[in-house]
Amino acid sequence: MDKRNYKSSLPTRLAPYLISIAVFSLVLGLVLSGLRDAKITADLEGIRIAEESIRKAVINCYATEGRYPQDYEYLKQHYGLSVDENKFIIHYEIFACNIMPDITVSKIER
């Protein structure tokens, strides 16, 4: 019998490890990308909910009092509106008491 001692080359021995590292890196990249997308979606949903709650309070005020509120503070005091002002910037601009105010909510970037 002929017994020969074959030494495998370095790339052949490292191939399984390199493949494992490549697959792990790919999966990690996909997970981090998914988390980033989830955060963006959550931020947009928070803005939408805040803006919708302000609009509902404005419409409720108009239905109750027959005029739109003069400012955002009035909504907070008389209609119990609560939006996290540490997280969002609320732009509330009224033109006249019988025209729907311009409401814009933006996220504060940190």
N, C-alpha and C. Protein backbone atom coordinates (compact mmCIF):
# COMPACT_ATOMS: atom_id res chain seq x y z
N MET A 1 0.82 -1.16 0.00
CA MET A 1 0.00 0.00 0.00
C MET A 1 0.87 1.24 0.00
N ASP A 2 0.37 2.18 -0.76
CA ASP A 2 1.12 3.41 -0.88
C ASP A 2 0.44 4.48 -0.03
N LYS A 3 1.10 4.86 1.04
CA LYS A 3 0.56 5.90 1.90
C LYS A 3 1.30 7.19 1.62
N ARG A 4 0.55 8.13 1.20
CA ARG A 4 1.15 9.43 0.95
C ARG A 4 0.50 10.44 1.89
N ASN A 5 1.30 11.30 2.36
CA ASN A 5 0.82 12.34 3.26
C ASN A 5 0.62 13.61 2.45
N TYR A 6 -0.65 13.90 2.22
CA TYR A 6 -0.96 15.11 1.45
C TYR A 6 -1.26 16.25 2.41
N LYS A 7 -0.60 17.31 2.21
CA LYS A 7 -0.88 18.51 2.99
C LYS A 7 -1.76 19.40 2.15
N SER A 8 -2.89 19.77 2.73
CA SER A 8 -3.76 20.65 1.98
C SER A 8 -3.20 22.08 2.07
N SER A 9 -3.50 22.83 1.04
CA SER A 9 -2.99 24.19 1.00
C SER A 9 -3.76 25.06 1.99
N LEU A 10 -3.19 26.19 2.33
CA LEU A 10 -3.79 27.11 3.29
C LEU A 10 -5.17 27.59 2.85
N PRO A 11 -5.37 28.00 1.60
CA PRO A 11 -6.72 28.44 1.20
C PRO A 11 -7.76 27.32 1.32
N THR A 12 -7.36 26.11 1.09
CA THR A 12 -8.30 24.99 1.19
C THR A 12 -8.71 24.77 2.64
N ARG A 13 -7.81 24.92 3.55
CA ARG A 13 -8.13 24.75 4.97
C ARG A 13 -8.95 25.92 5.50
N LEU A 14 -8.74 27.11 4.97
CA LEU A 14 -9.45 28.30 5.46
C LEU A 14 -10.81 28.52 4.79
N ALA A 15 -11.08 27.84 3.70
CA ALA A 15 -12.30 28.06 2.93
C ALA A 15 -13.57 27.96 3.78
N PRO A 16 -13.76 26.92 4.61
CA PRO A 16 -14.99 26.85 5.41
C PRO A 16 -15.14 28.04 6.37
N TYR A 17 -14.03 28.49 6.93
CA TYR A 17 -14.08 29.63 7.84
C TYR A 17 -14.42 30.92 7.09
N LEU A 18 -13.81 31.10 5.94
CA LEU A 18 -14.08 32.30 5.14
C LEU A 18 -15.53 32.33 4.68
N ILE A 19 -16.08 31.19 4.30
CA ILE A 19 -17.48 31.11 3.89
C ILE A 19 -18.38 31.44 5.07
N SER A 20 -18.05 30.91 6.25
CA SER A 20 -18.85 31.20 7.45
C SER A 20 -18.82 32.68 7.79
N ILE A 21 -17.65 33.29 7.70
CA ILE A 21 -17.53 34.72 7.99
C ILE A 21 -18.32 35.53 6.96
N ALA A 22 -18.26 35.15 5.70
CA ALA A 22 -18.99 35.87 4.66
C ALA A 22 -20.50 35.76 4.87
N VAL A 23 -20.99 34.57 5.20
CA VAL A 23 -22.43 34.37 5.43
C VAL A 23 -22.86 35.15 6.67
N PHE A 24 -22.06 35.11 7.73
CA PHE A 24 -22.38 35.85 8.95
C PHE A 24 -22.44 37.35 8.66
N SER A 25 -21.47 37.85 7.91
CA SER A 25 -21.45 39.29 7.57
C SER A 25 -22.68 39.68 6.76
N LEU A 26 -23.07 38.83 5.83
CA LEU A 26 -24.25 39.10 5.01
C LEU A 26 -25.51 39.14 5.87
N VAL A 27 -25.67 38.16 6.75
CA VAL A 27 -26.84 38.11 7.62
C VAL A 27 -26.85 39.31 8.56
N LEU A 28 -25.71 39.65 9.13
CA LEU A 28 -25.62 40.81 10.02
C LEU A 28 -25.98 42.10 9.28
N GLY A 29 -25.51 42.24 8.05
CA GLY A 29 -25.85 43.41 7.25
C GLY A 29 -27.34 43.50 6.98
N LEU A 30 -27.96 42.37 6.68
CA LEU A 30 -29.41 42.35 6.43
C LEU A 30 -30.20 42.70 7.69
N VAL A 31 -29.77 42.18 8.83
CA VAL A 31 -30.46 42.49 10.09
C VAL A 31 -30.34 43.96 10.43
N LEU A 32 -29.15 44.52 10.30
CA LEU A 32 -28.95 45.95 10.59
C LEU A 32 -29.74 46.83 9.63
N SER A 33 -29.81 46.44 8.37
CA SER A 33 -30.60 47.18 7.40
C SER A 33 -32.09 47.12 7.76
N GLY A 34 -32.55 45.97 8.19
CA GLY A 34 -33.95 45.82 8.60
C GLY A 34 -34.27 46.67 9.83
N LEU A 35 -33.35 46.72 10.78
CA LEU A 35 -33.56 47.55 11.97
C LEU A 35 -33.61 49.03 11.62
N ARG A 36 -32.75 49.45 10.70
CA ARG A 36 -32.75 50.85 10.26
C ARG A 36 -34.08 51.19 9.57
N ASP A 37 -34.54 50.30 8.72
CA ASP A 37 -35.81 50.52 8.04
C ASP A 37 -36.97 50.55 9.02
N ALA A 38 -36.93 49.69 10.03
CA ALA A 38 -37.99 49.67 11.05
C ALA A 38 -38.01 50.98 11.84
N LYS A 39 -36.84 51.52 12.14
CA LYS A 39 -36.78 52.80 12.86
C LYS A 39 -37.35 53.93 12.02
N ILE A 40 -37.02 53.96 10.75
CA ILE A 40 -37.54 55.00 9.86
C ILE A 40 -39.06 54.90 9.77
N THR A 41 -39.57 53.67 9.64
CA THR A 41 -41.02 53.47 9.56
C THR A 41 -41.69 53.90 10.86
N ALA A 42 -41.09 53.57 12.00
CA ALA A 42 -41.66 53.97 13.30
C ALA A 42 -41.67 55.49 13.45
N ASP A 43 -40.62 56.14 13.00
CA ASP A 43 -40.56 57.61 13.07
C ASP A 43 -41.66 58.24 12.21
N LEU A 44 -41.83 57.74 11.00
CA LEU A 44 -42.87 58.27 10.11
C LEU A 44 -44.26 58.02 10.68
N GLU A 45 -44.45 56.86 11.28
CA GLU A 45 -45.76 56.56 11.88
C GLU A 45 -46.03 57.46 13.08
N GLY A 46 -45.00 57.76 13.87
CA GLY A 46 -45.15 58.67 15.00
C GLY A 46 -45.56 60.07 14.55
N ILE A 47 -44.94 60.54 13.46
CA ILE A 47 -45.29 61.85 12.91
C ILE A 47 -46.74 61.84 12.43
N ARG A 48 -47.12 60.77 11.73
CA ARG A 48 -48.48 60.69 11.21
C ARG A 48 -49.51 60.68 12.33
N ILE A 49 -49.25 59.92 13.39
CA ILE A 49 -50.18 59.84 14.52
C ILE A 49 -50.28 61.19 15.22
N ALA A 50 -49.15 61.87 15.44
CA ALA A 50 -49.16 63.18 16.11
C ALA A 50 -49.96 64.19 15.28
N GLU A 51 -49.71 64.21 13.97
CA GLU A 51 -50.42 65.15 13.11
C GLU A 51 -51.91 64.84 13.06
N GLU A 52 -52.24 63.57 13.02
CA GLU A 52 -53.66 63.17 12.99
C GLU A 52 -54.38 63.55 14.29
N SER A 53 -53.71 63.38 15.42
CA SER A 53 -54.35 63.74 16.70
C SER A 53 -54.57 65.25 16.80
N ILE A 54 -53.63 66.04 16.28
CA ILE A 54 -53.80 67.50 16.28
C ILE A 54 -54.97 67.88 15.38
N ARG A 55 -55.03 67.28 14.20
CA ARG A 55 -56.14 67.58 13.28
C ARG A 55 -57.49 67.22 13.89
N LYS A 56 -57.56 66.09 14.56
CA LYS A 56 -58.82 65.68 15.19
C LYS A 56 -59.23 66.67 16.27
N ALA A 57 -58.26 67.14 17.07
CA ALA A 57 -58.57 68.12 18.10
C ALA A 57 -59.02 69.44 17.48
N VAL A 58 -58.40 69.84 16.37
CA VAL A 58 -58.78 71.07 15.68
C VAL A 58 -60.21 70.96 15.15
N ILE A 59 -60.53 69.83 14.54
CA ILE A 59 -61.88 69.62 14.00
C ILE A 59 -62.90 69.56 15.13
N ASN A 60 -62.53 68.92 16.23
CA ASN A 60 -63.42 68.86 17.39
C ASN A 60 -63.69 70.27 17.93
N CYS A 61 -62.65 71.08 18.01
CA CYS A 61 -62.82 72.47 18.46
C CYS A 61 -63.74 73.24 17.52
N TYR A 62 -63.55 73.07 16.22
CA TYR A 62 -64.39 73.77 15.25
C TYR A 62 -65.85 73.33 15.36
N ALA A 63 -66.06 72.03 15.57
CA ALA A 63 -67.42 71.51 15.70
C ALA A 63 -68.08 72.00 16.99
N THR A 64 -67.31 72.12 18.05
CA THR A 64 -67.84 72.54 19.34
C THR A 64 -68.03 74.05 19.44
N GLU A 65 -67.03 74.80 19.02
CA GLU A 65 -67.03 76.25 19.22
C GLU A 65 -67.36 77.07 17.97
N GLY A 66 -67.35 76.43 16.81
CA GLY A 66 -67.66 77.15 15.58
C GLY A 66 -66.50 77.95 15.02
N ARG A 67 -65.31 77.74 15.54
CA ARG A 67 -64.12 78.41 15.03
C ARG A 67 -62.91 77.52 15.30
N TYR A 68 -61.88 77.75 14.53
CA TYR A 68 -60.64 76.98 14.75
C TYR A 68 -59.85 77.64 15.87
N PRO A 69 -59.13 76.84 16.65
CA PRO A 69 -58.35 77.41 17.75
C PRO A 69 -57.24 78.33 17.25
N GLN A 70 -56.96 79.36 18.02
CA GLN A 70 -55.95 80.35 17.64
C GLN A 70 -54.53 79.79 17.65
N ASP A 71 -54.26 78.87 18.56
CA ASP A 71 -52.92 78.32 18.63
C ASP A 71 -52.94 76.91 19.22
N TYR A 72 -51.80 76.29 19.16
CA TYR A 72 -51.62 74.92 19.65
C TYR A 72 -51.83 74.84 21.17
N GLU A 73 -51.41 75.86 21.89
CA GLU A 73 -51.56 75.89 23.35
C GLU A 73 -53.03 75.79 23.75
N TYR A 74 -53.92 76.43 23.00
CA TYR A 74 -55.35 76.38 23.28
C TYR A 74 -55.85 74.93 23.21
N LEU A 75 -55.36 74.19 22.23
CA LEU A 75 -55.75 72.78 22.11
C LEU A 75 -55.27 71.97 23.31
N LYS A 76 -54.07 72.25 23.75
CA LYS A 76 -53.53 71.53 24.91
C LYS A 76 -54.35 71.83 26.17
N GLN A 77 -54.71 73.08 26.37
CA GLN A 77 -55.41 73.49 27.59
C GLN A 77 -56.87 73.04 27.60
N HIS A 78 -57.56 73.19 26.47
CA HIS A 78 -59.01 72.97 26.46
C HIS A 78 -59.45 71.62 25.91
N TYR A 79 -58.58 70.93 25.16
CA TYR A 79 -58.98 69.67 24.54
C TYR A 79 -58.08 68.50 24.93
N GLY A 80 -57.20 68.74 25.87
CA GLY A 80 -56.36 67.66 26.40
C GLY A 80 -55.40 67.05 25.40
N LEU A 81 -55.03 67.81 24.40
CA LEU A 81 -54.10 67.31 23.40
C LEU A 81 -52.72 67.14 24.01
N SER A 82 -52.11 66.01 23.75
CA SER A 82 -50.79 65.73 24.30
C SER A 82 -49.90 65.11 23.23
N VAL A 83 -48.92 65.88 22.78
CA VAL A 83 -47.93 65.41 21.81
C VAL A 83 -46.57 65.63 22.44
N ASP A 84 -45.70 64.64 22.32
CA ASP A 84 -44.37 64.71 22.92
C ASP A 84 -43.55 65.81 22.22
N GLU A 85 -43.44 66.96 22.86
CA GLU A 85 -42.74 68.09 22.26
C GLU A 85 -41.23 67.96 22.36
N ASN A 86 -40.74 66.96 23.09
CA ASN A 86 -39.31 66.68 23.10
C ASN A 86 -38.92 65.86 21.87
N LYS A 87 -39.90 65.28 21.23
CA LYS A 87 -39.67 64.41 20.08
C LYS A 87 -40.08 65.06 18.76
N PHE A 88 -41.08 65.95 18.83
CA PHE A 88 -41.64 66.54 17.61
C PHE A 88 -41.68 68.06 17.69
N ILE A 89 -41.55 68.69 16.54
CA ILE A 89 -41.76 70.13 16.40
C ILE A 89 -43.13 70.30 15.75
N ILE A 90 -43.99 71.09 16.38
CA ILE A 90 -45.33 71.32 15.86
C ILE A 90 -45.40 72.72 15.28
N HIS A 91 -45.72 72.80 14.01
CA HIS A 91 -45.91 74.09 13.35
C HIS A 91 -47.41 74.25 13.13
N TYR A 92 -47.99 75.23 13.78
CA TYR A 92 -49.43 75.47 13.72
C TYR A 92 -49.63 76.91 13.27
N GLU A 93 -50.16 77.07 12.07
CA GLU A 93 -50.34 78.42 11.52
C GLU A 93 -51.80 78.60 11.09
N ILE A 94 -52.43 79.62 11.65
CA ILE A 94 -53.83 79.88 11.33
C ILE A 94 -53.92 81.18 10.54
N PHE A 95 -54.76 81.16 9.51
CA PHE A 95 -54.96 82.33 8.67
C PHE A 95 -56.18 83.11 9.13
N ALA A 96 -57.27 82.39 9.36
CA ALA A 96 -58.51 83.01 9.83
C ALA A 96 -59.25 81.98 10.68
N CYS A 97 -60.17 82.43 11.50
CA CYS A 97 -60.83 81.52 12.43
C CYS A 97 -61.80 80.55 11.74
N ASN A 98 -62.10 80.80 10.45
CA ASN A 98 -63.00 79.89 9.75
C ASN A 98 -62.30 79.09 8.64
N ILE A 99 -60.97 79.15 8.59
CA ILE A 99 -60.18 78.39 7.62
C ILE A 99 -59.28 77.43 8.37
N MET A 100 -59.28 76.18 7.91
CA MET A 100 -58.48 75.14 8.57
C MET A 100 -57.02 75.57 8.66
N PRO A 101 -56.43 75.49 9.85
CA PRO A 101 -55.03 75.91 10.02
C PRO A 101 -54.07 74.95 9.31
N ASP A 102 -52.90 75.46 9.02
CA ASP A 102 -51.84 74.65 8.44
C ASP A 102 -51.10 73.97 9.59
N ILE A 103 -51.11 72.64 9.60
CA ILE A 103 -50.48 71.87 10.68
C ILE A 103 -49.38 71.01 10.09
N THR A 104 -48.18 71.17 10.61
CA THR A 104 -47.05 70.37 10.18
C THR A 104 -46.32 69.85 11.41
N VAL A 105 -46.03 68.56 11.41
CA VAL A 105 -45.29 67.95 12.51
C VAL A 105 -43.98 67.40 11.93
N SER A 106 -42.88 67.73 12.60
CA SER A 106 -41.57 67.25 12.18
C SER A 106 -40.87 66.59 13.36
N LYS A 107 -40.03 65.62 13.07
CA LYS A 107 -39.29 64.94 14.14
C LYS A 107 -38.02 65.75 14.43
N ILE A 108 -37.71 65.86 15.71
CA ILE A 108 -36.48 66.52 16.13
C ILE A 108 -35.34 65.53 15.95
N GLU A 109 -34.36 65.90 15.15
CA GLU A 109 -33.21 65.03 14.89
C GLU A 109 -32.18 65.21 15.99
N ARG A 110 -31.65 64.12 16.43
CA ARG A 110 -30.61 64.17 17.47
C ARG A 110 -29.38 63.47 17.05
